[in-house]
Amino acid sequence: MHTTKLNIDSILPLTCSRSGTCCFGKNVMLNPWELFNLSSEKKITTRAFRDLYCEFGGIRLRFDGKPDKKGQQACSQYVDTIGCSVHLGRPLACRLYPLGRKVQFDKAHYIYEGDTFPCLTDCPEVLELPKLSVGDYLKGQEAALFEKAQDEYLIVMQNIADIGFELLLESGLSASGDTKTLATWRVMGNELPELLAERIGQEWLDYLMLPAIIDTQHPITFAQNHNELLLLKAQEKFGAIQTNQELHEASVLMIGLALHLARALGADPKSIAEHWIATAKNHGAQE
């Protein structure tokens, strides 16, 4: 879909009318820190929130509430009489809406889908409210910490993928003439999230979305601690494996986990998988 690119000084009708229309029929993805924040606001454990209100192992909020006039179902956290029941803990996707955010070459860009500003369709009353710059809107939405979490988890995603690369390229697997590992990476890049979650399995989904972290206040610390836990778990699980079949399965698991996190971060698993396959081929892997 065509997108309109913005800068931090772009002026738009961004004052929210609080009509709640954006709480229906959306696709809200979650990184592990956002999942923790939502559960804290709900005053239940992260596991309980994940199991009750999320899909695909915790990377997407359920939209299974009462439908609106268009037949779009409400977010699981939306309550008719009050709106969002976890507003203070809402994820970045909700804080940014109707804007999107893309990171290219370590720089963030803000966009919205289409040529017409989305709110003008569902909430035309915004035209009667004050306009805001993108920067002022983001400040009002207190998006900064959530953007830091998103960016830090992009690093975690690549670190998980690096384990998959090492298991393929530095273990002797690639040198053995293996061709099925990259082929499976490609399959996973095109796989539906529910199928990829099933392939990964509950144990590693829990490691990905339910980290046992005490220091939860700052997203960078949270993500860095989570990264260390994942690296230790991979070392524990894969440090002694020897056969090519075991190496293949471990590489596939790590790349699958990285692709699942990529989807949680709003990235396109297919394009990322293709990029990783091309990189592996440049280092001698075969398909």
C-alpha atoms as a PDB file:
ATOM      1  CA  MET A   1       0.000   0.000   0.000  1.00  0.00           C
ATOM      2  CA  HIS A   2       1.155   3.539  -0.763  1.00  0.00           C
ATOM      3  CA  THR A   3       2.297   5.509   2.284  1.00  0.00           C
ATOM      4  CA  THR A   4       2.723   9.212   2.958  1.00  0.00           C
ATOM      5  CA  LYS A   5       6.056  10.087   4.550  1.00  0.00           C
ATOM      6  CA  LEU A   6       6.202  12.691   7.322  1.00  0.00           C
ATOM      7  CA  ASN A   7       8.829  14.548   9.282  1.00  0.00           C
ATOM      8  CA  ILE A   8       8.828  15.543  12.928  1.00  0.00           C
ATOM      9  CA  ASP A   9       7.536  19.045  12.067  1.00  0.00           C
ATOM     10  CA  SER A  10       4.608  17.907   9.872  1.00  0.00           C
ATOM     11  CA  ILE A  11       1.344  19.472  11.076  1.00  0.00           C
ATOM     12  CA  LEU A  12      -1.707  17.197  11.054  1.00  0.00           C
ATOM     13  CA  PRO A  13      -5.132  16.867  12.736  1.00  0.00           C
ATOM     14  CA  LEU A  14      -3.680  14.638  15.441  1.00  0.00           C
ATOM     15  CA  THR A  15      -5.763  15.719  18.437  1.00  0.00           C
ATOM     16  CA  CYS A  16      -7.724  12.592  19.351  1.00  0.00           C
ATOM     17  CA  SER A  17     -11.522  12.847  19.488  1.00  0.00           C
ATOM     18  CA  ARG A  18     -11.661   9.851  21.877  1.00  0.00           C
ATOM     19  CA  SER A  19     -14.387   8.194  19.795  1.00  0.00           C
ATOM     20  CA  GLY A  20     -12.760   4.779  20.124  1.00  0.00           C
ATOM     21  CA  THR A  21     -13.045   3.899  16.433  1.00  0.00           C
ATOM     22  CA  CYS A  22      -9.337   3.001  16.263  1.00  0.00           C
ATOM     23  CA  CYS A  23      -9.902   0.239  18.852  1.00  0.00           C
ATOM     24  CA  PHE A  24     -11.726  -1.938  16.327  1.00  0.00           C
ATOM     25  CA  GLY A  25     -10.422  -4.211  13.594  1.00  0.00           C
ATOM     26  CA  LYS A  26      -6.719  -3.425  13.976  1.00  0.00           C
ATOM     27  CA  ASN A  27      -3.566  -5.530  13.999  1.00  0.00           C
ATOM     28  CA  VAL A  28      -1.628  -4.623  17.163  1.00  0.00           C
ATOM     29  CA  MET A  29       1.692  -6.398  17.524  1.00  0.00           C
ATOM     30  CA  LEU A  30       3.620  -6.618  20.791  1.00  0.00           C
ATOM     31  CA  ASN A  31       7.247  -6.948  21.769  1.00  0.00           C
ATOM     32  CA  PRO A  32       8.079  -8.617  25.120  1.00  0.00           C
ATOM     33  CA  TRP A  33       8.478  -5.318  27.014  1.00  0.00           C
ATOM     34  CA  GLU A  34       5.072  -4.125  25.779  1.00  0.00           C
ATOM     35  CA  LEU A  35       3.508  -7.407  26.845  1.00  0.00           C
ATOM     36  CA  PHE A  36       5.000  -6.911  30.306  1.00  0.00           C
ATOM     37  CA  ASN A  37       3.632  -3.347  30.495  1.00  0.00           C
ATOM     38  CA  LEU A  38       0.145  -4.441  29.502  1.00  0.00           C
ATOM     39  CA  SER A  39       0.093  -7.192  32.105  1.00  0.00           C
ATOM     40  CA  SER A  40       1.309  -4.782  34.799  1.00  0.00           C
ATOM     41  CA  GLU A  41      -1.443  -2.324  33.950  1.00  0.00           C
ATOM     42  CA  LYS A  42      -3.964  -5.187  34.030  1.00  0.00           C
ATOM     43  CA  LYS A  43      -2.500  -6.295  37.390  1.00  0.00           C
ATOM     44  CA  ILE A  44      -2.072  -9.900  36.302  1.00  0.00           C
ATOM     45  CA  THR A  45       1.009 -11.950  35.431  1.00  0.00           C
ATOM     46  CA  THR A  46       2.542 -11.615  31.991  1.00  0.00           C
ATOM     47  CA  ARG A  47       1.789 -15.280  31.326  1.00  0.00           C
ATOM     48  CA  ALA A  48      -1.868 -14.816  32.283  1.00  0.00           C
ATOM     49  CA  PHE A  49      -2.204 -11.748  30.059  1.00  0.00           C
ATOM     50  CA  ARG A  50      -0.515 -13.558  27.170  1.00  0.00           C
ATOM     51  CA  ASP A  51      -2.734 -16.619  27.503  1.00  0.00           C
ATOM     52  CA  LEU A  52      -5.964 -14.650  27.917  1.00  0.00           C
ATOM     53  CA  TYR A  53      -5.532 -11.768  25.513  1.00  0.00           C
ATOM     54  CA  CYS A  54      -2.867 -12.553  22.904  1.00  0.00           C
ATOM     55  CA  GLU A  55      -2.303 -14.705  19.851  1.00  0.00           C
ATOM     56  CA  PHE A  56       0.637 -16.537  18.281  1.00  0.00           C
ATOM     57  CA  GLY A  57       2.496 -16.990  21.550  1.00  0.00           C
ATOM     58  CA  GLY A  58       2.043 -13.381  22.694  1.00  0.00           C
ATOM     59  CA  ILE A  59       3.062 -11.282  19.698  1.00  0.00           C
ATOM     60  CA  ARG A  60      -0.416  -9.965  18.818  1.00  0.00           C
ATOM     61  CA  LEU A  61      -3.306  -8.589  20.847  1.00  0.00           C
ATOM     62  CA  ARG A  62      -6.608 -10.376  20.392  1.00  0.00           C
ATOM     63  CA  PHE A  63      -9.402  -8.383  18.763  1.00  0.00           C
ATOM     64  CA  ASP A  64     -12.318 -10.549  19.858  1.00  0.00           C
ATOM     65  CA  GLY A  65     -14.608  -8.039  21.544  1.00  0.00           C
ATOM     66  CA  LYS A  66     -18.023  -6.677  20.627  1.00  0.00           C
ATOM     67  CA  PRO A  67     -18.165  -5.668  16.923  1.00  0.00           C
ATOM     68  CA  ASP A  68     -18.812  -2.122  15.713  1.00  0.00           C
ATOM     69  CA  LYS A  69     -21.285  -1.083  13.016  1.00  0.00           C
ATOM     70  CA  LYS A  70     -18.856  -2.250  10.328  1.00  0.00           C
ATOM     71  CA  GLY A  71     -18.601  -5.695  11.894  1.00  0.00           C
ATOM     72  CA  GLN A  72     -15.039  -5.065  13.091  1.00  0.00           C
ATOM     73  CA  GLN A  73     -14.333  -6.628  16.467  1.00  0.00           C
ATOM     74  CA  ALA A  74     -13.061  -4.573  19.382  1.00  0.00           C
ATOM     75  CA  CYS A  75      -9.668  -4.976  20.997  1.00  0.00           C
ATOM     76  CA  SER A  76      -9.783  -7.392  23.917  1.00  0.00           C
ATOM     77  CA  GLN A  77      -8.841  -4.456  26.178  1.00  0.00           C
ATOM     78  CA  TYR A  78     -11.641  -2.149  24.996  1.00  0.00           C
ATOM     79  CA  VAL A  79     -14.577  -1.509  27.346  1.00  0.00           C
ATOM     80  CA  ASP A  80     -17.679   0.278  26.035  1.00  0.00           C
ATOM     81  CA  THR A  81     -18.102   2.574  29.007  1.00  0.00           C
ATOM     82  CA  ILE A  82     -14.469   3.626  29.513  1.00  0.00           C
ATOM     83  CA  GLY A  83     -12.555   2.887  26.309  1.00  0.00           C
ATOM     84  CA  CYS A  84      -9.110   1.331  26.686  1.00  0.00           C
ATOM     85  CA  SER A  85      -8.872  -0.499  30.006  1.00  0.00           C
ATOM     86  CA  VAL A  86      -5.051  -0.517  29.928  1.00  0.00           C
ATOM     87  CA  HIS A  87      -4.486   2.962  28.504  1.00  0.00           C
ATOM     88  CA  LEU A  88      -1.379   3.793  30.550  1.00  0.00           C
ATOM     89  CA  GLY A  89       0.268   0.546  29.448  1.00  0.00           C
ATOM     90  CA  ARG A  90      -0.802   0.673  25.804  1.00  0.00           C
ATOM     91  CA  PRO A  91       1.816  -0.415  23.228  1.00  0.00           C
ATOM     92  CA  LEU A  92       3.639   1.720  20.683  1.00  0.00           C
ATOM     93  CA  ALA A  93       1.224   0.856  17.871  1.00  0.00           C
ATOM     94  CA  CYS A  94      -1.609   2.440  19.857  1.00  0.00           C
ATOM     95  CA  ARG A  95       0.473   5.445  20.916  1.00  0.00           C
ATOM     96  CA  LEU A  96       1.456   6.180  17.324  1.00  0.00           C
ATOM     97  CA  TYR A  97      -1.887   5.579  15.635  1.00  0.00           C
ATOM     98  CA  PRO A  98      -2.791   6.758  12.995  1.00  0.00           C
ATOM     99  CA  LEU A  99       0.937   7.060  12.306  1.00  0.00           C
ATOM    100  CA  GLY A 100       3.367   4.285  11.534  1.00  0.00           C
ATOM    101  CA  ARG A 101       7.097   4.202  12.154  1.00  0.00           C
ATOM    102  CA  LYS A 102       9.828   2.760   9.976  1.00  0.00           C
ATOM    103  CA  VAL A 103      13.501   2.483  10.841  1.00  0.00           C
ATOM    104  CA  GLN A 104      15.976   2.680   7.968  1.00  0.00           C
ATOM    105  CA  PHE A 105      19.737   3.072   8.368  1.00  0.00           C
ATOM    106  CA  ASP A 106      19.258   3.685  12.111  1.00  0.00           C
ATOM    107  CA  LYS A 107      16.899   6.595  11.513  1.00  0.00           C
ATOM    108  CA  ALA A 108      13.165   6.579  12.240  1.00  0.00           C
ATOM    109  CA  HIS A 109      10.614   7.894   9.767  1.00  0.00           C
ATOM    110  CA  TYR A 110       6.928   8.443  10.404  1.00  0.00           C
ATOM    111  CA  ILE A 111       4.249   7.617   7.862  1.00  0.00           C
ATOM    112  CA  TYR A 112       0.555   7.030   7.389  1.00  0.00           C
ATOM    113  CA  GLU A 113      -1.098   4.685   4.940  1.00  0.00           C
ATOM    114  CA  GLY A 114      -2.582   6.075   1.736  1.00  0.00           C
ATOM    115  CA  ASP A 115      -2.819   9.625   0.476  1.00  0.00           C
ATOM    116  CA  THR A 116      -5.671  10.694   2.762  1.00  0.00           C
ATOM    117  CA  PHE A 117      -5.062  11.050   6.487  1.00  0.00           C
ATOM    118  CA  PRO A 118      -6.785   7.989   8.056  1.00  0.00           C
ATOM    119  CA  CYS A 119      -8.636   9.846  10.833  1.00  0.00           C
ATOM    120  CA  LEU A 120     -10.577  11.915   8.311  1.00  0.00           C
ATOM    121  CA  THR A 121     -12.503   8.791   7.297  1.00  0.00           C
ATOM    122  CA  ASP A 122     -13.411   7.399  10.724  1.00  0.00           C
ATOM    123  CA  CYS A 123     -13.268  10.555  12.848  1.00  0.00           C
ATOM    124  CA  PRO A 124     -14.000  13.603  10.643  1.00  0.00           C
ATOM    125  CA  GLU A 125     -14.632  15.628  13.810  1.00  0.00           C
ATOM    126  CA  VAL A 126     -10.848  15.873  14.232  1.00  0.00           C
ATOM    127  CA  LEU A 127     -10.934  18.715  11.700  1.00  0.00           C
ATOM    128  CA  GLU A 128     -12.591  20.825  14.378  1.00  0.00           C
ATOM    129  CA  LEU A 129      -9.855  20.082  16.921  1.00  0.00           C
ATOM    130  CA  PRO A 130      -6.395  21.699  17.219  1.00  0.00           C
ATOM    131  CA  LYS A 131      -3.696  20.458  14.852  1.00  0.00           C
ATOM    132  CA  LEU A 132      -0.374  19.188  16.175  1.00  0.00           C
ATOM    133  CA  SER A 133       3.091  18.573  14.842  1.00  0.00           C
ATOM    134  CA  VAL A 134       4.193  14.951  14.694  1.00  0.00           C
ATOM    135  CA  GLY A 135       6.801  15.733  17.353  1.00  0.00           C
ATOM    136  CA  ASP A 136       4.278  17.250  19.755  1.00  0.00           C
ATOM    137  CA  TYR A 137       1.893  14.356  19.193  1.00  0.00           C
ATOM    138  CA  LEU A 138       4.591  11.780  20.004  1.00  0.00           C
ATOM    139  CA  LYS A 139       5.567  13.722  23.120  1.00  0.00           C
ATOM    140  CA  GLY A 140       1.953  13.812  24.283  1.00  0.00           C
ATOM    141  CA  GLN A 141       1.602  10.101  23.673  1.00  0.00           C
ATOM    142  CA  GLU A 142       4.763   9.436  25.741  1.00  0.00           C
ATOM    143  CA  ALA A 143       6.057   7.273  22.913  1.00  0.00           C
ATOM    144  CA  ALA A 144       9.799   7.715  23.515  1.00  0.00           C
ATOM    145  CA  LEU A 145      10.366   4.768  25.874  1.00  0.00           C
ATOM    146  CA  PHE A 146       8.298   2.508  23.656  1.00  0.00           C
ATOM    147  CA  GLU A 147      10.324   3.517  20.617  1.00  0.00           C
ATOM    148  CA  LYS A 148      13.496   2.668  22.558  1.00  0.00           C
ATOM    149  CA  ALA A 149      12.061  -0.763  23.329  1.00  0.00           C
ATOM    150  CA  GLN A 150      11.241  -1.329  19.666  1.00  0.00           C
ATOM    151  CA  ASP A 151      14.722  -0.336  18.537  1.00  0.00           C
ATOM    152  CA  GLU A 152      16.457  -2.426  21.185  1.00  0.00           C
ATOM    153  CA  TYR A 153      14.425  -5.487  20.253  1.00  0.00           C
ATOM    154  CA  LEU A 154      15.508  -5.080  16.638  1.00  0.00           C
ATOM    155  CA  ILE A 155      19.029  -5.681  17.973  1.00  0.00           C
ATOM    156  CA  VAL A 156      17.817  -8.716  19.944  1.00  0.00           C
ATOM    157  CA  MET A 157      16.186 -10.048  16.758  1.00  0.00           C
ATOM    158  CA  GLN A 158      19.472  -9.847  14.861  1.00  0.00           C
ATOM    159  CA  ASN A 159      21.379 -11.427  17.748  1.00  0.00           C
ATOM    160  CA  ILE A 160      19.009 -14.402  17.742  1.00  0.00           C
ATOM    161  CA  ALA A 161      19.443 -14.703  13.978  1.00  0.00           C
ATOM    162  CA  ASP A 162      23.225 -14.602  14.402  1.00  0.00           C
ATOM    163  CA  ILE A 163      22.990 -17.791  16.452  1.00  0.00           C
ATOM    164  CA  GLY A 164      21.149 -19.394  13.551  1.00  0.00           C
ATOM    165  CA  PHE A 165      23.902 -18.234  11.194  1.00  0.00           C
ATOM    166  CA  GLU A 166      26.634 -19.642  13.454  1.00  0.00           C
ATOM    167  CA  LEU A 167      24.889 -22.998  13.701  1.00  0.00           C
ATOM    168  CA  LEU A 168      24.795 -23.187   9.912  1.00  0.00           C
ATOM    169  CA  LEU A 169      28.072 -21.575   8.866  1.00  0.00           C
ATOM    170  CA  GLU A 170      30.542 -22.210  11.692  1.00  0.00           C
ATOM    171  CA  SER A 171      29.624 -25.735  12.743  1.00  0.00           C
ATOM    172  CA  GLY A 172      30.483 -27.660   9.610  1.00  0.00           C
ATOM    173  CA  LEU A 173      26.821 -27.978   8.599  1.00  0.00           C
ATOM    174  CA  SER A 174      27.124 -25.700   5.583  1.00  0.00           C
ATOM    175  CA  ALA A 175      30.442 -27.267   4.562  1.00  0.00           C
ATOM    176  CA  SER A 176      28.789 -30.690   4.591  1.00  0.00           C
ATOM    177  CA  GLY A 177      26.730 -29.697   1.534  1.00  0.00           C
ATOM    178  CA  ASP A 178      23.527 -29.062   3.483  1.00  0.00           C
ATOM    179  CA  THR A 179      20.799 -27.465   1.354  1.00  0.00           C
ATOM    180  CA  LYS A 180      17.672 -27.981   3.433  1.00  0.00           C
ATOM    181  CA  THR A 181      18.453 -25.401   6.133  1.00  0.00           C
ATOM    182  CA  LEU A 182      18.184 -22.341   3.872  1.00  0.00           C
ATOM    183  CA  ALA A 183      15.174 -23.886   2.149  1.00  0.00           C
ATOM    184  CA  THR A 184      13.465 -24.105   5.544  1.00  0.00           C
ATOM    185  CA  TRP A 185      14.423 -20.506   6.364  1.00  0.00           C
ATOM    186  CA  ARG A 186      12.567 -19.491   3.193  1.00  0.00           C
ATOM    187  CA  VAL A 187       9.501 -21.530   4.130  1.00  0.00           C
ATOM    188  CA  MET A 188       9.389 -19.859   7.548  1.00  0.00           C
ATOM    189  CA  GLY A 189       9.605 -16.400   5.990  1.00  0.00           C
ATOM    190  CA  ASN A 190       6.370 -17.161   4.153  1.00  0.00           C
ATOM    191  CA  GLU A 191       4.676 -19.061   6.966  1.00  0.00           C
ATOM    192  CA  LEU A 192       1.505 -17.869   8.701  1.00  0.00           C
ATOM    193  CA  PRO A 193       2.211 -16.678  12.263  1.00  0.00           C
ATOM    194  CA  GLU A 194       0.162 -19.443  13.845  1.00  0.00           C
ATOM    195  CA  LEU A 195       2.139 -22.071  11.913  1.00  0.00           C
ATOM    196  CA  LEU A 196       5.477 -20.504  12.759  1.00  0.00           C
ATOM    197  CA  ALA A 197       4.466 -20.341  16.431  1.00  0.00           C
ATOM    198  CA  GLU A 198       3.578 -24.036  16.312  1.00  0.00           C
ATOM    199  CA  ARG A 199       6.909 -24.837  14.656  1.00  0.00           C
ATOM    200  CA  ILE A 200       8.840 -22.907  17.334  1.00  0.00           C
ATOM    201  CA  GLY A 201       7.003 -24.626  20.168  1.00  0.00           C
ATOM    202  CA  GLN A 202       5.796 -23.470  23.562  1.00  0.00           C
ATOM    203  CA  GLU A 203       9.128 -23.708  25.363  1.00  0.00           C
ATOM    204  CA  TRP A 204      10.927 -21.220  23.117  1.00  0.00           C
ATOM    205  CA  LEU A 205       7.846 -19.006  22.733  1.00  0.00           C
ATOM    206  CA  ASP A 206       7.915 -18.639  26.511  1.00  0.00           C
ATOM    207  CA  TYR A 207      11.631 -17.766  26.438  1.00  0.00           C
ATOM    208  CA  LEU A 208      10.848 -15.134  23.802  1.00  0.00           C
ATOM    209  CA  MET A 209       7.785 -13.495  25.339  1.00  0.00           C
ATOM    210  CA  LEU A 210       7.938 -14.259  29.074  1.00  0.00           C
ATOM    211  CA  PRO A 211      11.507 -13.484  30.190  1.00  0.00           C
ATOM    212  CA  ALA A 212      12.241 -13.797  33.912  1.00  0.00           C
ATOM    213  CA  ILE A 213      13.577 -10.272  34.385  1.00  0.00           C
ATOM    214  CA  ILE A 214      13.581  -8.358  37.677  1.00  0.00           C
ATOM    215  CA  ASP A 215      14.628  -4.907  36.360  1.00  0.00           C
ATOM    216  CA  THR A 216      11.612  -4.044  34.237  1.00  0.00           C
ATOM    217  CA  GLN A 217      11.507  -0.258  34.455  1.00  0.00           C
ATOM    218  CA  HIS A 218      13.647   0.755  31.482  1.00  0.00           C
ATOM    219  CA  PRO A 219      13.117  -0.896  28.098  1.00  0.00           C
ATOM    220  CA  ILE A 220      16.772  -0.890  27.061  1.00  0.00           C
ATOM    221  CA  THR A 221      17.832  -2.641  30.276  1.00  0.00           C
ATOM    222  CA  PHE A 222      14.901  -5.029  29.949  1.00  0.00           C
ATOM    223  CA  ALA A 223      15.756  -5.943  26.348  1.00  0.00           C
ATOM    224  CA  GLN A 224      19.485  -6.276  27.054  1.00  0.00           C
ATOM    225  CA  ASN A 225      18.822  -8.583  30.008  1.00  0.00           C
ATOM    226  CA  HIS A 226      16.410 -10.559  27.856  1.00  0.00           C
ATOM    227  CA  ASN A 227      19.058 -10.837  25.154  1.00  0.00           C
ATOM    228  CA  GLU A 228      21.509 -12.311  27.681  1.00  0.00           C
ATOM    229  CA  LEU A 229      18.927 -14.846  28.863  1.00  0.00           C
ATOM    230  CA  LEU A 230      18.255 -15.957  25.284  1.00  0.00           C
ATOM    231  CA  LEU A 231      21.973 -16.322  24.522  1.00  0.00           C
ATOM    232  CA  LEU A 232      22.513 -18.384  27.690  1.00  0.00           C
ATOM    233  CA  LYS A 233      19.539 -20.584  26.867  1.00  0.00           C
ATOM    234  CA  ALA A 234      20.819 -21.176  23.329  1.00  0.00           C
ATOM    235  CA  GLN A 235      24.260 -22.068  24.687  1.00  0.00           C
ATOM    236  CA  GLU A 236      22.703 -24.457  27.176  1.00  0.00           C
ATOM    237  CA  LYS A 237      20.521 -26.120  24.548  1.00  0.00           C
ATOM    238  CA  PHE A 238      22.933 -26.237  21.625  1.00  0.00           C
ATOM    239  CA  GLY A 239      26.415 -26.191  23.143  1.00  0.00           C
ATOM    240  CA  ALA A 240      26.908 -29.947  22.941  1.00  0.00           C
ATOM    241  CA  ILE A 241      25.060 -30.871  19.749  1.00  0.00           C
ATOM    242  CA  GLN A 242      27.114 -32.621  17.089  1.00  0.00           C
ATOM    243  CA  THR A 243      25.104 -34.227  14.300  1.00  0.00           C
ATOM    244  CA  ASN A 244      24.165 -32.325  11.162  1.00  0.00           C
ATOM    245  CA  GLN A 245      20.491 -33.044  11.784  1.00  0.00           C
ATOM    246  CA  GLU A 246      20.712 -31.492  15.256  1.00  0.00           C
ATOM    247  CA  LEU A 247      22.565 -28.476  13.847  1.00  0.00           C
ATOM    248  CA  HIS A 248      19.951 -28.075  11.113  1.00  0.00           C
ATOM    249  CA  GLU A 249      17.090 -28.203  13.611  1.00  0.00           C
ATOM    250  CA  ALA A 250      18.796 -25.715  15.948  1.00  0.00           C
ATOM    251  CA  SER A 251      19.563 -23.257  13.129  1.00  0.00           C
ATOM    252  CA  VAL A 252      15.988 -23.462  11.878  1.00  0.00           C
ATOM    253  CA  LEU A 253      14.658 -22.900  15.401  1.00  0.00           C
ATOM    254  CA  MET A 254      16.766 -19.774  15.977  1.00  0.00           C
ATOM    255  CA  ILE A 255      15.924 -18.241  12.621  1.00  0.00           C
ATOM    256  CA  GLY A 256      12.256 -19.063  13.189  1.00  0.00           C
ATOM    257  CA  LEU A 257      12.394 -17.373  16.589  1.00  0.00           C
ATOM    258  CA  ALA A 258      14.055 -14.296  15.063  1.00  0.00           C
ATOM    259  CA  LEU A 259      11.418 -14.122  12.304  1.00  0.00           C
ATOM    260  CA  HIS A 260       8.633 -14.411  14.871  1.00  0.00           C
ATOM    261  CA  LEU A 261      10.128 -11.499  16.814  1.00  0.00           C
ATOM    262  CA  ALA A 262      10.489  -9.578  13.542  1.00  0.00           C
ATOM    263  CA  ARG A 263       6.742  -9.905  12.996  1.00  0.00           C
ATOM    264  CA  ALA A 264       6.129  -8.746  16.580  1.00  0.00           C
ATOM    265  CA  LEU A 265       8.154  -5.617  15.746  1.00  0.00           C
ATOM    266  CA  GLY A 266       6.072  -4.885  12.647  1.00  0.00           C
ATOM    267  CA  ALA A 267       8.728  -6.040  10.179  1.00  0.00           C
ATOM    268  CA  ASP A 268       8.108  -8.233   7.139  1.00  0.00           C
ATOM    269  CA  PRO A 269       9.350 -11.787   7.826  1.00  0.00           C
ATOM    270  CA  LYS A 270       9.471 -12.673   4.139  1.00  0.00           C
ATOM    271  CA  SER A 271      11.836  -9.864   3.154  1.00  0.00           C
ATOM    272  CA  ILE A 272      13.992 -10.415   6.239  1.00  0.00           C
ATOM    273  CA  ALA A 273      14.236 -14.155   5.538  1.00  0.00           C
ATOM    274  CA  GLU A 274      15.281 -13.435   1.946  1.00  0.00           C
ATOM    275  CA  HIS A 275      17.940 -11.005   3.173  1.00  0.00           C
ATOM    276  CA  TRP A 276      19.305 -13.558   5.641  1.00  0.00           C
ATOM    277  CA  ILE A 277      19.324 -16.294   2.991  1.00  0.00           C
ATOM    278  CA  ALA A 278      21.272 -14.058   0.605  1.00  0.00           C
ATOM    279  CA  THR A 279      23.756 -13.227   3.386  1.00  0.00           C
ATOM    280  CA  ALA A 280      24.241 -16.912   4.229  1.00  0.00           C
ATOM    281  CA  LYS A 281      24.793 -17.746   0.557  1.00  0.00           C
ATOM    282  CA  ASN A 282      27.446 -15.045   0.370  1.00  0.00           C
ATOM    283  CA  HIS A 283      29.257 -16.929   3.136  1.00  0.00           C
ATOM    284  CA  GLY A 284      29.125 -20.297   1.407  1.00  0.00           C
ATOM    285  CA  ALA A 285      25.743 -21.750   2.367  1.00  0.00           C
ATOM    286  CA  GLN A 286      23.783 -23.602  -0.305  1.00  0.00           C
ATOM    287  CA  GLU A 287      20.143 -24.062  -1.139  1.00  0.00           C
END
